[in-house]
Amino acid sequence: SKKEMMFIEADKKRFKVAYDLIKTKLFDSYAIKEFHHEETLYKHFPTMKLTLEGKIDCYSTISPSDEIIILDYKSGGFNVGTTETYSKGFDLQLLIYCYLITNNPSTKDNKIAGAYFSPVL
C-alpha cells in the first residue's frame, strides 16, 4: 500500500543516514549491497522444544566484504546501559538478532560489521 511504501522509503533513508555515518567513520570503500526490511528470522532448538524468533527492523549487506549491518529502530526513546534497558531486554535484542542472522541459511556465511539502535522521533 502507499502507507507501507512511505514507511519503507523512510526506513531506507534512516538506514542510509546511519550507514553514511558508519562509512565516514570506519569504511571508505564499502557500498550497500542488499537491503532487508522487517524480516522475521527463526532458530529452532528441537531438544529444548524452543524457537527463538526475531523481527529485525532492517539489515544490509555491504560490499565488497559481504558483512552485515543491523539496525533496530526505537521510537519511544532509548538509553543504552541503564537498568531499564536491561530489564526490558533491549541489551539482548541486538545479540539475538546477530545470533539469528549468523544462523540463518541465507546469511550464515556473513560476518556482522555492527548492530545498532537508531532512535526514531
PDB file of N, CA and C in Angstrom:
ATOM      1  N   SER A   1       0.842  -1.183   0.000  1.00  0.00           N
ATOM      2  CA  SER A   1       0.000   0.000   0.000  1.00  0.00           C
ATOM      3  C   SER A   1       0.887   1.246   0.000  1.00  0.00           C
ATOM      4  N   LYS A   2       0.268   2.381  -0.268  1.00  0.00           N
ATOM      5  CA  LYS A   2       1.014   3.642  -0.277  1.00  0.00           C
ATOM      6  C   LYS A   2       1.588   3.946   1.108  1.00  0.00           C
ATOM      7  N   LYS A   3       0.810   3.647   2.150  1.00  0.00           N
ATOM      8  CA  LYS A   3       1.266   3.911   3.509  1.00  0.00           C
ATOM      9  C   LYS A   3       2.486   3.048   3.844  1.00  0.00           C
ATOM     10  N   GLU A   4       2.428   1.767   3.497  1.00  0.00           N
ATOM     11  CA  GLU A   4       3.564   0.880   3.751  1.00  0.00           C
ATOM     12  C   GLU A   4       4.793   1.335   2.989  1.00  0.00           C
ATOM     13  N   MET A   5       4.608   1.746   1.729  1.00  0.00           N
ATOM     14  CA  MET A   5       5.736   2.205   0.919  1.00  0.00           C
ATOM     15  C   MET A   5       6.361   3.471   1.521  1.00  0.00           C
ATOM     16  N   MET A   6       5.523   4.323   2.103  1.00  0.00           N
ATOM     17  CA  MET A   6       6.038   5.520   2.743  1.00  0.00           C
ATOM     18  C   MET A   6       6.975   5.147   3.903  1.00  0.00           C
ATOM     19  N   PHE A   7       6.561   4.160   4.710  1.00  0.00           N
ATOM     20  CA  PHE A   7       7.397   3.734   5.831  1.00  0.00           C
ATOM     21  C   PHE A   7       8.657   3.028   5.345  1.00  0.00           C
ATOM     22  N   ILE A   8       8.543   2.220   4.311  1.00  0.00           N
ATOM     23  CA  ILE A   8       9.717   1.526   3.772  1.00  0.00           C
ATOM     24  C   ILE A   8      10.726   2.538   3.245  1.00  0.00           C
ATOM     25  N   GLU A   9      10.256   3.531   2.518  1.00  0.00           N
ATOM     26  CA  GLU A   9      11.156   4.559   1.997  1.00  0.00           C
ATOM     27  C   GLU A   9      11.792   5.352   3.134  1.00  0.00           C
ATOM     28  N   ALA A  10      11.016   5.639   4.172  1.00  0.00           N
ATOM     29  CA  ALA A  10      11.576   6.357   5.332  1.00  0.00           C
ATOM     30  C   ALA A  10      12.638   5.503   6.017  1.00  0.00           C
ATOM     31  N   ASP A  11      12.383   4.193   6.141  1.00  0.00           N
ATOM     32  CA  ASP A  11      13.376   3.288   6.732  1.00  0.00           C
ATOM     33  C   ASP A  11      14.656   3.274   5.910  1.00  0.00           C
ATOM     34  N   LYS A  12      14.514   3.238   4.600  1.00  0.00           N
ATOM     35  CA  LYS A  12      15.698   3.235   3.741  1.00  0.00           C
ATOM     36  C   LYS A  12      16.509   4.517   3.935  1.00  0.00           C
ATOM     37  N   LYS A  13      15.820   5.643   4.079  1.00  0.00           N
ATOM     38  CA  LYS A  13      16.530   6.913   4.297  1.00  0.00           C
ATOM     39  C   LYS A  13      17.248   6.903   5.639  1.00  0.00           C
ATOM     40  N   ARG A  14      16.575   6.409   6.694  1.00  0.00           N
ATOM     41  CA  ARG A  14      17.214   6.339   8.013  1.00  0.00           C
ATOM     42  C   ARG A  14      18.414   5.406   7.971  1.00  0.00           C
ATOM     43  N   PHE A  15      18.265   4.280   7.286  1.00  0.00           N
ATOM     44  CA  PHE A  15      19.370   3.330   7.176  1.00  0.00           C
ATOM     45  C   PHE A  15      20.542   3.985   6.448  1.00  0.00           C
ATOM     46  N   LYS A  16      20.253   4.728   5.382  1.00  0.00           N
ATOM     47  CA  LYS A  16      21.316   5.376   4.620  1.00  0.00           C
ATOM     48  C   LYS A  16      22.047   6.405   5.474  1.00  0.00           C
ATOM     49  N   VAL A  17      21.318   7.172   6.299  1.00  0.00           N
ATOM     50  CA  VAL A  17      21.954   8.152   7.179  1.00  0.00           C
ATOM     51  C   VAL A  17      22.894   7.435   8.151  1.00  0.00           C
ATOM     52  N   ALA A  18      22.408   6.361   8.776  1.00  0.00           N
ATOM     53  CA  ALA A  18      23.243   5.610   9.714  1.00  0.00           C
ATOM     54  C   ALA A  18      24.432   4.998   8.997  1.00  0.00           C
ATOM     55  N   TYR A  19      24.190   4.443   7.822  1.00  0.00           N
ATOM     56  CA  TYR A  19      25.276   3.831   7.052  1.00  0.00           C
ATOM     57  C   TYR A  19      26.316   4.877   6.661  1.00  0.00           C
ATOM     58  N   ASP A  20      25.877   6.050   6.228  1.00  0.00           N
ATOM     59  CA  ASP A  20      26.820   7.111   5.845  1.00  0.00           C
ATOM     60  C   ASP A  20      27.706   7.504   7.018  1.00  0.00           C
ATOM     61  N   LEU A  21      27.110   7.548   8.220  1.00  0.00           N
ATOM     62  CA  LEU A  21      27.893   7.861   9.408  1.00  0.00           C
ATOM     63  C   LEU A  21      28.942   6.777   9.656  1.00  0.00           C
ATOM     64  N   ILE A  22      28.521   5.523   9.574  1.00  0.00           N
ATOM     65  CA  ILE A  22      29.456   4.409   9.760  1.00  0.00           C
ATOM     66  C   ILE A  22      30.549   4.466   8.699  1.00  0.00           C
ATOM     67  N   LYS A  23      30.145   4.718   7.481  1.00  0.00           N
ATOM     68  CA  LYS A  23      31.100   4.740   6.368  1.00  0.00           C
ATOM     69  C   LYS A  23      32.146   5.832   6.556  1.00  0.00           C
ATOM     70  N   THR A  24      31.722   7.020   6.960  1.00  0.00           N
ATOM     71  CA  THR A  24      32.692   8.110   7.105  1.00  0.00           C
ATOM     72  C   THR A  24      33.618   7.871   8.280  1.00  0.00           C
ATOM     73  N   LYS A  25      33.156   7.143   9.288  1.00  0.00           N
ATOM     74  CA  LYS A  25      33.992   6.887  10.462  1.00  0.00           C
ATOM     75  C   LYS A  25      34.850   5.637  10.309  1.00  0.00           C
ATOM     76  N   LEU A  26      34.333   4.620   9.645  1.00  0.00           N
ATOM     77  CA  LEU A  26      35.029   3.335   9.612  1.00  0.00           C
ATOM     78  C   LEU A  26      35.447   2.874   8.215  1.00  0.00           C
ATOM     79  N   PHE A  27      34.530   2.972   7.286  1.00  0.00           N
ATOM     80  CA  PHE A  27      34.773   2.396   5.972  1.00  0.00           C
ATOM     81  C   PHE A  27      34.846   3.506   4.933  1.00  0.00           C
ATOM     82  N   ASP A  28      35.720   3.377   3.998  1.00  0.00           N
ATOM     83  CA  ASP A  28      35.769   4.379   2.948  1.00  0.00           C
ATOM     84  C   ASP A  28      35.471   3.778   1.579  1.00  0.00           C
ATOM     85  N   SER A  29      35.596   2.476   1.468  1.00  0.00           N
ATOM     86  CA  SER A  29      35.429   1.859   0.150  1.00  0.00           C
ATOM     87  C   SER A  29      34.317   0.808   0.136  1.00  0.00           C
ATOM     88  N   TYR A  30      33.345   0.928   1.035  1.00  0.00           N
ATOM     89  CA  TYR A  30      32.260  -0.041   1.103  1.00  0.00           C
ATOM     90  C   TYR A  30      30.984   0.561   0.515  1.00  0.00           C
ATOM     91  N   ALA A  31      30.093  -0.291   0.042  1.00  0.00           N
ATOM     92  CA  ALA A  31      28.819   0.165  -0.511  1.00  0.00           C
ATOM     93  C   ALA A  31      27.704  -0.767  -0.049  1.00  0.00           C
ATOM     94  N   ILE A  32      26.483  -0.240   0.027  1.00  0.00           N
ATOM     95  CA  ILE A  32      25.335  -1.073   0.386  1.00  0.00           C
ATOM     96  C   ILE A  32      25.050  -2.019  -0.776  1.00  0.00           C
ATOM     97  N   LYS A  33      24.974  -3.297  -0.467  1.00  0.00           N
ATOM     98  CA  LYS A  33      24.750  -4.310  -1.497  1.00  0.00           C
ATOM     99  C   LYS A  33      23.287  -4.762  -1.506  1.00  0.00           C
ATOM    100  N   GLU A  34      22.776  -5.136  -0.347  1.00  0.00           N
ATOM    101  CA  GLU A  34      21.387  -5.603  -0.229  1.00  0.00           C
ATOM    102  C   GLU A  34      20.744  -4.928   0.978  1.00  0.00           C
ATOM    103  N   PHE A  35      19.438  -4.711   0.891  1.00  0.00           N
ATOM    104  CA  PHE A  35      18.691  -4.081   1.975  1.00  0.00           C
ATOM    105  C   PHE A  35      17.521  -5.001   2.327  1.00  0.00           C
ATOM    106  N   HIS A  36      17.383  -5.321   3.597  1.00  0.00           N
ATOM    107  CA  HIS A  36      16.286  -6.174   4.071  1.00  0.00           C
ATOM    108  C   HIS A  36      15.486  -5.402   5.105  1.00  0.00           C
ATOM    109  N   HIS A  37      14.174  -5.394   4.945  1.00  0.00           N
ATOM    110  CA  HIS A  37      13.284  -4.582   5.773  1.00  0.00           C
ATOM    111  C   HIS A  37      12.302  -5.479   6.523  1.00  0.00           C
ATOM    112  N   GLU A  38      12.240  -5.332   7.839  1.00  0.00           N
ATOM    113  CA  GLU A  38      11.307  -6.060   8.702  1.00  0.00           C
ATOM    114  C   GLU A  38      11.256  -7.551   8.368  1.00  0.00           C
ATOM    115  N   GLU A  39      12.378  -8.183   8.501  1.00  0.00           N
ATOM    116  CA  GLU A  39      12.464  -9.617   8.222  1.00  0.00           C
ATOM    117  C   GLU A  39      12.415 -10.400   9.530  1.00  0.00           C
ATOM    118  N   THR A  40      11.571 -11.417   9.573  1.00  0.00           N
ATOM    119  CA  THR A  40      11.462 -12.270  10.752  1.00  0.00           C
ATOM    120  C   THR A  40      12.327 -13.504  10.546  1.00  0.00           C
ATOM    121  N   LEU A  41      13.225 -13.752  11.501  1.00  0.00           N
ATOM    122  CA  LEU A  41      14.113 -14.906  11.438  1.00  0.00           C
ATOM    123  C   LEU A  41      13.833 -15.821  12.631  1.00  0.00           C
ATOM    124  N   TYR A  42      14.044 -17.122  12.433  1.00  0.00           N
ATOM    125  CA  TYR A  42      13.777 -18.127  13.456  1.00  0.00           C
ATOM    126  C   TYR A  42      14.981 -19.042  13.619  1.00  0.00           C
ATOM    127  N   LYS A  43      15.153 -19.551  14.827  1.00  0.00           N
ATOM    128  CA  LYS A  43      16.110 -20.625  15.082  1.00  0.00           C
ATOM    129  C   LYS A  43      15.418 -21.587  16.026  1.00  0.00           C
ATOM    130  N   HIS A  44      15.235 -22.820  15.557  1.00  0.00           N
ATOM    131  CA  HIS A  44      14.527 -23.832  16.340  1.00  0.00           C
ATOM    132  C   HIS A  44      15.530 -24.725  17.056  1.00  0.00           C
ATOM    133  N   PHE A  45      15.275 -25.002  18.319  1.00  0.00           N
ATOM    134  CA  PHE A  45      16.086 -25.905  19.141  1.00  0.00           C
ATOM    135  C   PHE A  45      15.211 -27.088  19.538  1.00  0.00           C
ATOM    136  N   PRO A  46      15.214 -28.158  18.713  1.00  0.00           N
ATOM    137  CA  PRO A  46      14.285 -29.263  18.955  1.00  0.00           C
ATOM    138  C   PRO A  46      14.467 -29.956  20.299  1.00  0.00           C
ATOM    139  N   THR A  47      15.700 -30.108  20.773  1.00  0.00           N
ATOM    140  CA  THR A  47      15.903 -30.822  22.036  1.00  0.00           C
ATOM    141  C   THR A  47      15.345 -30.040  23.226  1.00  0.00           C
ATOM    142  N   MET A  48      15.266 -28.730  23.105  1.00  0.00           N
ATOM    143  CA  MET A  48      14.717 -27.901  24.185  1.00  0.00           C
ATOM    144  C   MET A  48      13.261 -27.521  23.930  1.00  0.00           C
ATOM    145  N   LYS A  49      12.738 -27.919  22.772  1.00  0.00           N
ATOM    146  CA  LYS A  49      11.381 -27.535  22.385  1.00  0.00           C
ATOM    147  C   LYS A  49      11.218 -26.011  22.471  1.00  0.00           C
ATOM    148  N   LEU A  50      12.168 -25.323  21.844  1.00  0.00           N
ATOM    149  CA  LEU A  50      12.217 -23.880  21.912  1.00  0.00           C
ATOM    150  C   LEU A  50      12.492 -23.312  20.519  1.00  0.00           C
ATOM    151  N   THR A  51      11.827 -22.214  20.191  1.00  0.00           N
ATOM    152  CA  THR A  51      12.101 -21.490  18.956  1.00  0.00           C
ATOM    153  C   THR A  51      12.405 -20.047  19.309  1.00  0.00           C
ATOM    154  N   LEU A  52      13.561 -19.594  18.852  1.00  0.00           N
ATOM    155  CA  LEU A  52      13.960 -18.206  19.036  1.00  0.00           C
ATOM    156  C   LEU A  52      13.524 -17.441  17.793  1.00  0.00           C
ATOM    157  N   GLU A  53      12.820 -16.322  17.999  1.00  0.00           N
ATOM    158  CA  GLU A  53      12.288 -15.547  16.879  1.00  0.00           C
ATOM    159  C   GLU A  53      12.642 -14.076  17.059  1.00  0.00           C
ATOM    160  N   GLY A  54      12.989 -13.437  15.954  1.00  0.00           N
ATOM    161  CA  GLY A  54      13.255 -12.004  15.999  1.00  0.00           C
ATOM    162  C   GLY A  54      12.803 -11.341  14.718  1.00  0.00           C
ATOM    163  N   LYS A  55      12.107 -10.215  14.862  1.00  0.00           N
ATOM    164  CA  LYS A  55      11.697  -9.429  13.698  1.00  0.00           C
ATOM    165  C   LYS A  55      12.645  -8.237  13.612  1.00  0.00           C
ATOM    166  N   ILE A  56      13.603  -8.324  12.695  1.00  0.00           N
ATOM    167  CA  ILE A  56      14.645  -7.325  12.564  1.00  0.00           C
ATOM    168  C   ILE A  56      14.115  -6.161  11.720  1.00  0.00           C
ATOM    169  N   ASP A  57      14.206  -4.951  12.265  1.00  0.00           N
ATOM    170  CA  ASP A  57      13.707  -3.773  11.540  1.00  0.00           C
ATOM    171  C   ASP A  57      14.383  -3.651  10.183  1.00  0.00           C
ATOM    172  N   CYS A  58      15.699  -3.693  10.157  1.00  0.00           N
ATOM    173  CA  CYS A  58      16.382  -3.710   8.870  1.00  0.00           C
ATOM    174  C   CYS A  58      17.834  -4.143   9.050  1.00  0.00           C
ATOM    175  N   TYR A  59      18.342  -4.763   8.001  1.00  0.00           N
ATOM    176  CA  TYR A  59      19.765  -5.059   7.942  1.00  0.00           C
ATOM    177  C   TYR A  59      20.195  -4.992   6.487  1.00  0.00           C
ATOM    178  N   SER A  60      21.477  -4.751   6.328  1.00  0.00           N
ATOM    179  CA  SER A  60      22.015  -4.602   4.981  1.00  0.00           C
ATOM    180  C   SER A  60      23.335  -5.327   4.877  1.00  0.00           C
ATOM    181  N   THR A  61      23.571  -5.892   3.708  1.00  0.00           N
ATOM    182  CA  THR A  61      24.868  -6.463   3.390  1.00  0.00           C
ATOM    183  C   THR A  61      25.668  -5.382   2.694  1.00  0.00           C
ATOM    184  N   ILE A  62      26.929  -5.227   3.099  1.00  0.00           N
ATOM    185  CA  ILE A  62      27.783  -4.244   2.452  1.00  0.00           C
ATOM    186  C   ILE A  62      28.821  -4.963   1.601  1.00  0.00           C
ATOM    187  N   SER A  63      29.195  -4.334   0.514  1.00  0.00           N
ATOM    188  CA  SER A  63      30.210  -4.929  -0.342  1.00  0.00           C
ATOM    189  C   SER A  63      31.443  -4.034  -0.307  1.00  0.00           C
ATOM    190  N   PRO A  64      32.605  -4.556  -0.545  1.00  0.00           N
ATOM    191  CA  PRO A  64      32.897  -5.886  -1.090  1.00  0.00           C
ATOM    192  C   PRO A  64      33.026  -6.985  -0.043  1.00  0.00           C
ATOM    193  N   SER A  65      32.859  -6.683   1.245  1.00  0.00           N
ATOM    194  CA  SER A  65      33.151  -7.671   2.289  1.00  0.00           C
ATOM    195  C   SER A  65      32.014  -8.649   2.580  1.00  0.00           C
ATOM    196  N   ASP A  66      30.784  -8.343   2.136  1.00  0.00           N
ATOM    197  CA  ASP A  66      29.594  -9.138   2.443  1.00  0.00           C
ATOM    198  C   ASP A  66      29.308  -9.202   3.944  1.00  0.00           C
ATOM    199  N   GLU A  67      29.754  -8.192   4.680  1.00  0.00           N
ATOM    200  CA  GLU A  67      29.426  -8.099   6.098  1.00  0.00           C
ATOM    201  C   GLU A  67      28.027  -7.507   6.243  1.00  0.00           C
ATOM    202  N   ILE A  68      27.444  -7.705   7.415  1.00  0.00           N
ATOM    203  CA  ILE A  68      26.065  -7.258   7.651  1.00  0.00           C
ATOM    204  C   ILE A  68      26.040  -6.187   8.727  1.00  0.00           C
ATOM    205  N   ILE A  69      25.230  -5.162   8.479  1.00  0.00           N
ATOM    206  CA  ILE A  69      24.953  -4.113   9.456  1.00  0.00           C
ATOM    207  C   ILE A  69      23.479  -4.239   9.843  1.00  0.00           C
ATOM    208  N   ILE A  70      23.209  -4.275  11.146  1.00  0.00           N
ATOM    209  CA  ILE A  70      21.848  -4.428  11.664  1.00  0.00           C
ATOM    210  C   ILE A  70      21.423  -3.118  12.321  1.00  0.00           C
ATOM    211  N   LEU A  71      20.189  -2.684  12.029  1.00  0.00           N
ATOM    212  CA  LEU A  71      19.611  -1.511  12.693  1.00  0.00           C
ATOM    213  C   LEU A  71      18.287  -1.898  13.334  1.00  0.00           C
ATOM    214  N   ASP A  72      18.093  -1.449  14.569  1.00  0.00           N
ATOM    215  CA  ASP A  72      16.811  -1.625  15.235  1.00  0.00           C
ATOM    216  C   ASP A  72      16.322  -0.253  15.650  1.00  0.00           C
ATOM    217  N   TYR A  73      15.124   0.116  15.227  1.00  0.00           N
ATOM    218  CA  TYR A  73      14.585   1.437  15.489  1.00  0.00           C
ATOM    219  C   TYR A  73      13.895   1.479  16.844  1.00  0.00           C
ATOM    220  N   LYS A  74      14.115   2.560  17.572  1.00  0.00           N
ATOM    221  CA  LYS A  74      13.479   2.791  18.862  1.00  0.00           C
ATOM    222  C   LYS A  74      12.699   4.094  18.764  1.00  0.00           C
ATOM    223  N   SER A  75      11.366   3.995  18.836  1.00  0.00           N
ATOM    224  CA  SER A  75      10.521   5.179  18.655  1.00  0.00           C
ATOM    225  C   SER A  75      10.147   5.839  19.976  1.00  0.00           C
ATOM    226  N   GLY A  76      10.303   5.146  21.087  1.00  0.00           N
ATOM    227  CA  GLY A  76       9.878   5.718  22.365  1.00  0.00           C
ATOM    228  C   GLY A  76      11.018   6.252  23.200  1.00  0.00           C
ATOM    229  N   GLY A  77      12.145   6.514  22.596  1.00  0.00           N
ATOM    230  CA  GLY A  77      13.313   6.953  23.358  1.00  0.00           C
ATOM    231  C   GLY A  77      14.076   5.743  23.860  1.00  0.00           C
ATOM    232  N   PHE A  78      15.370   5.899  24.043  1.00  0.00           N
ATOM    233  CA  PHE A  78      16.181   4.750  24.428  1.00  0.00           C
ATOM    234  C   PHE A  78      17.517   5.216  24.972  1.00  0.00           C
ATOM    235  N   ASN A  79      17.914   4.656  26.117  1.00  0.00           N
ATOM    236  CA  ASN A  79      19.230   4.917  26.697  1.00  0.00           C
ATOM    237  C   ASN A  79      19.944   3.591  26.875  1.00  0.00           C
ATOM    238  N   VAL A  80      21.085   3.438  26.225  1.00  0.00           N
ATOM    239  CA  VAL A  80      21.842   2.188  26.327  1.00  0.00           C
ATOM    240  C   VAL A  80      22.519   2.118  27.676  1.00  0.00           C
ATOM    241  N   GLY A  81      22.449   0.941  28.299  1.00  0.00           N
ATOM    242  CA  GLY A  81      23.189   0.691  29.517  1.00  0.00           C
ATOM    243  C   GLY A  81      22.502   1.090  30.809  1.00  0.00           C
ATOM    244  N   THR A  82      21.235   1.463  30.773  1.00  0.00           N
ATOM    245  CA  THR A  82      20.525   1.787  32.004  1.00  0.00           C
ATOM    246  C   THR A  82      19.866   0.536  32.561  1.00  0.00           C
ATOM    247  N   THR A  83      19.476   0.601  33.809  1.00  0.00           N
ATOM    248  CA  THR A  83      18.774  -0.522  34.435  1.00  0.00           C
ATOM    249  C   THR A  83      17.505  -0.850  33.668  1.00  0.00           C
ATOM    250  N   GLU A  84      16.822   0.185  33.192  1.00  0.00           N
ATOM    251  CA  GLU A  84      15.573  -0.008  32.445  1.00  0.00           C
ATOM    252  C   GLU A  84      15.809  -0.798  31.151  1.00  0.00           C
ATOM    253  N   THR A  85      16.900  -0.489  30.440  1.00  0.00           N
ATOM    254  CA  THR A  85      17.150  -1.198  29.180  1.00  0.00           C
ATOM    255  C   THR A  85      17.453  -2.671  29.439  1.00  0.00           C
ATOM    256  N   TYR A  86      18.133  -2.959  30.526  1.00  0.00           N
ATOM    257  CA  TYR A  86      18.414  -4.359  30.844  1.00  0.00           C
ATOM    258  C   TYR A  86      17.130  -5.096  31.213  1.00  0.00           C
ATOM    259  N   SER A  87      16.286  -4.452  32.032  1.00  0.00           N
ATOM    260  CA  SER A  87      15.058  -5.118  32.468  1.00  0.00           C
ATOM    261  C   SER A  87      14.091  -5.333  31.308  1.00  0.00           C
ATOM    262  N   LYS A  88      14.136  -4.477  30.294  1.00  0.00           N
ATOM    263  CA  LYS A  88      13.274  -4.650  29.120  1.00  0.00           C
ATOM    264  C   LYS A  88      13.892  -5.597  28.098  1.00  0.00           C
ATOM    265  N   GLY A  89      15.142  -6.004  28.298  1.00  0.00           N
ATOM    266  CA  GLY A  89      15.779  -6.939  27.382  1.00  0.00           C
ATOM    267  C   GLY A  89      16.359  -6.305  26.139  1.00  0.00           C
ATOM    268  N   PHE A  90      16.433  -4.967  26.090  1.00  0.00           N
ATOM    269  CA  PHE A  90      16.967  -4.305  24.892  1.00  0.00           C
ATOM    270  C   PHE A  90      18.422  -4.687  24.631  1.00  0.00           C
ATOM    271  N   ASP A  91      19.199  -4.865  25.700  1.00  0.00           N
ATOM    272  CA  ASP A  91      20.610  -5.159  25.509  1.00  0.00           C
ATOM    273  C   ASP A  91      20.823  -6.554  24.932  1.00  0.00           C
ATOM    274  N   LEU A  92      19.868  -7.447  25.107  1.00  0.00           N
ATOM    275  CA  LEU A  92      19.946  -8.773  24.499  1.00  0.00           C
ATOM    276  C   LEU A  92      19.390  -8.784  23.080  1.00  0.00           C
ATOM    277  N   GLN A  93      18.565  -7.831  22.771  1.00  0.00           N
ATOM    278  CA  GLN A  93      17.873  -7.820  21.487  1.00  0.00           C
ATOM    279  C   GLN A  93      18.848  -7.858  20.309  1.00  0.00           C
ATOM    280  N   LEU A  94      19.835  -6.974  20.286  1.00  0.00           N
ATOM    281  CA  LEU A  94      20.778  -6.961  19.167  1.00  0.00           C
ATOM    282  C   LEU A  94      21.630  -8.226  19.137  1.00  0.00           C
ATOM    283  N   LEU A  95      21.965  -8.752  20.307  1.00  0.00           N
ATOM    284  CA  LEU A  95      22.729 -10.006  20.343  1.00  0.00           C
ATOM    285  C   LEU A  95      21.918 -11.155  19.756  1.00  0.00           C
ATOM    286  N   ILE A  96      20.630 -11.182  20.068  1.00  0.00           N
ATOM    287  CA  ILE A  96      19.760 -12.218  19.500  1.00  0.00           C
ATOM    288  C   ILE A  96      19.660 -12.057  17.993  1.00  0.00           C
ATOM    289  N   TYR A  97      19.526 -10.819  17.513  1.00  0.00           N
ATOM    290  CA  TYR A  97      19.482 -10.582  16.070  1.00  0.00           C
ATOM    291  C   TYR A  97      20.773 -11.054  15.396  1.00  0.00           C
ATOM    292  N   CYS A  98      21.916 -10.753  16.011  1.00  0.00           N
ATOM    293  CA  CYS A  98      23.204 -11.218  15.460  1.00  0.00           C
ATOM    294  C   CYS A  98      23.234 -12.743  15.407  1.00  0.00           C
ATOM    295  N   TYR A  99      22.770 -13.383  16.470  1.00  0.00           N
ATOM    296  CA  TYR A  99      22.742 -14.841  16.518  1.00  0.00           C
ATOM    297  C   TYR A  99      21.844 -15.403  15.415  1.00  0.00           C
ATOM    298  N   LEU A 100      20.651 -14.819  15.269  1.00  0.00           N
ATOM    299  CA  LEU A 100      19.713 -15.312  14.252  1.00  0.00           C
ATOM    300  C   LEU A 100      20.267 -15.135  12.841  1.00  0.00           C
ATOM    301  N   ILE A 101      20.903 -14.010  12.579  1.00  0.00           N
ATOM    302  CA  ILE A 101      21.465 -13.782  11.239  1.00  0.00           C
ATOM    303  C   ILE A 101      22.606 -14.746  10.950  1.00  0.00           C
ATOM    304  N   THR A 102      23.467 -14.984  11.945  1.00  0.00           N
ATOM    305  CA  THR A 102      24.603 -15.884  11.711  1.00  0.00           C
ATOM    306  C   THR A 102      24.184 -17.348  11.697  1.00  0.00           C
ATOM    307  N   ASN A 103      22.936 -17.632  12.061  1.00  0.00           N
ATOM    308  CA  ASN A 103      22.422 -18.994  11.992  1.00  0.00           C
ATOM    309  C   ASN A 103      21.338 -19.161  10.939  1.00  0.00           C
ATOM    310  N   ASN A 104      21.107 -18.129  10.142  1.00  0.00           N
ATOM    311  CA  ASN A 104      20.134 -18.181   9.062  1.00  0.00           C
ATOM    312  C   ASN A 104      20.818 -18.759   7.823  1.00  0.00           C
ATOM    313  N   PRO A 105      20.207 -19.734   7.140  1.00  0.00           N
ATOM    314  CA  PRO A 105      20.861 -20.346   5.978  1.00  0.00           C
ATOM    315  C   PRO A 105      21.329 -19.350   4.920  1.00  0.00           C
ATOM    316  N   SER A 106      20.580 -18.268   4.698  1.00  0.00           N
ATOM    317  CA  SER A 106      20.963 -17.332   3.639  1.00  0.00           C
ATOM    318  C   SER A 106      22.036 -16.329   4.069  1.00  0.00           C
ATOM    319  N   THR A 107      22.303 -16.200   5.373  1.00  0.00           N
ATOM    320  CA  THR A 107      23.282 -15.212   5.838  1.00  0.00           C
ATOM    321  C   THR A 107      24.339 -15.809   6.770  1.00  0.00           C
ATOM    322  N   LYS A 108      24.347 -17.122   6.931  1.00  0.00           N
ATOM    323  CA  LYS A 108      25.239 -17.747   7.920  1.00  0.00           C
ATOM    324  C   LYS A 108      26.720 -17.559   7.611  1.00  0.00           C
ATOM    325  N   ASP A 109      27.072 -17.309   6.358  1.00  0.00           N
ATOM    326  CA  ASP A 109      28.480 -17.131   6.000  1.00  0.00           C
ATOM    327  C   ASP A 109      28.937 -15.677   6.085  1.00  0.00           C
ATOM    328  N   ASN A 110      28.024 -14.780   6.427  1.00  0.00           N
ATOM    329  CA  ASN A 110      28.359 -13.359   6.526  1.00  0.00           C
ATOM    330  C   ASN A 110      28.789 -13.018   7.954  1.00  0.00           C
ATOM    331  N   LYS A 111      29.769 -12.141   8.070  1.00  0.00           N
ATOM    332  CA  LYS A 111      30.160 -11.625   9.376  1.00  0.00           C
ATOM    333  C   LYS A 111      29.325 -10.388   9.685  1.00  0.00           C
ATOM    334  N   ILE A 112      29.172 -10.089  10.965  1.00  0.00           N
ATOM    335  CA  ILE A 112      28.439  -8.910  11.397  1.00  0.00           C
ATOM    336  C   ILE A 112      29.430  -7.750  11.532  1.00  0.00           C
ATOM    337  N   ALA A 113      29.197  -6.672  10.796  1.00  0.00           N
ATOM    338  CA  ALA A 113      30.048  -5.476  10.893  1.00  0.00           C
ATOM    339  C   ALA A 113      29.620  -4.609  12.064  1.00  0.00           C
ATOM    340  N   GLY A 114      28.335  -4.631  12.391  1.00  0.00           N
ATOM    341  CA  GLY A 114      27.844  -3.832  13.505  1.00  0.00           C
ATOM    342  C   GLY A 114      26.355  -3.993  13.689  1.00  0.00           C
ATOM    343  N   ALA A 115      25.894  -3.760  14.910  1.00  0.00           N
ATOM    344  CA  ALA A 115      24.464  -3.819  15.235  1.00  0.00           C
ATOM    345  C   ALA A 115      24.162  -2.588  16.080  1.00  0.00           C
ATOM    346  N   TYR A 116      23.151  -1.828  15.671  1.00  0.00           N
ATOM    347  CA  TYR A 116      22.915  -0.521  16.259  1.00  0.00           C
ATOM    348  C   TYR A 116      21.444  -0.271  16.546  1.00  0.00           C
ATOM    349  N   PHE A 117      21.187   0.467  17.638  1.00  0.00           N
ATOM    350  CA  PHE A 117      19.864   1.009  17.892  1.00  0.00           C
ATOM    351  C   PHE A 117      19.819   2.389  17.262  1.00  0.00           C
ATOM    352  N   SER A 118      18.711   2.712  16.615  1.00  0.00           N
ATOM    353  CA  SER A 118      18.547   4.013  15.985  1.00  0.00           C
ATOM    354  C   SER A 118      17.283   4.662  16.512  1.00  0.00           C
ATOM    355  N   PRO A 119      17.402   5.784  17.235  1.00  0.00           N
ATOM    356  CA  PRO A 119      16.190   6.453  17.711  1.00  0.00           C
ATOM    357  C   PRO A 119      15.397   7.047  16.558  1.00  0.00           C
ATOM    358  N   VAL A 120      14.084   6.924  16.646  1.00  0.00           N
ATOM    359  CA  VAL A 120      13.187   7.470  15.631  1.00  0.00           C
ATOM    360  C   VAL A 120      12.232   8.399  16.357  1.00  0.00           C
ATOM    361  N   LEU A 121      12.154   9.630  15.905  1.00  0.00           N
ATOM    362  CA  LEU A 121      11.275  10.606  16.574  1.00  0.00           C
ATOM    363  C   LEU A 121       9.859  10.446  16.081  1.00  0.00           C
TER     364      LEU A 121
END
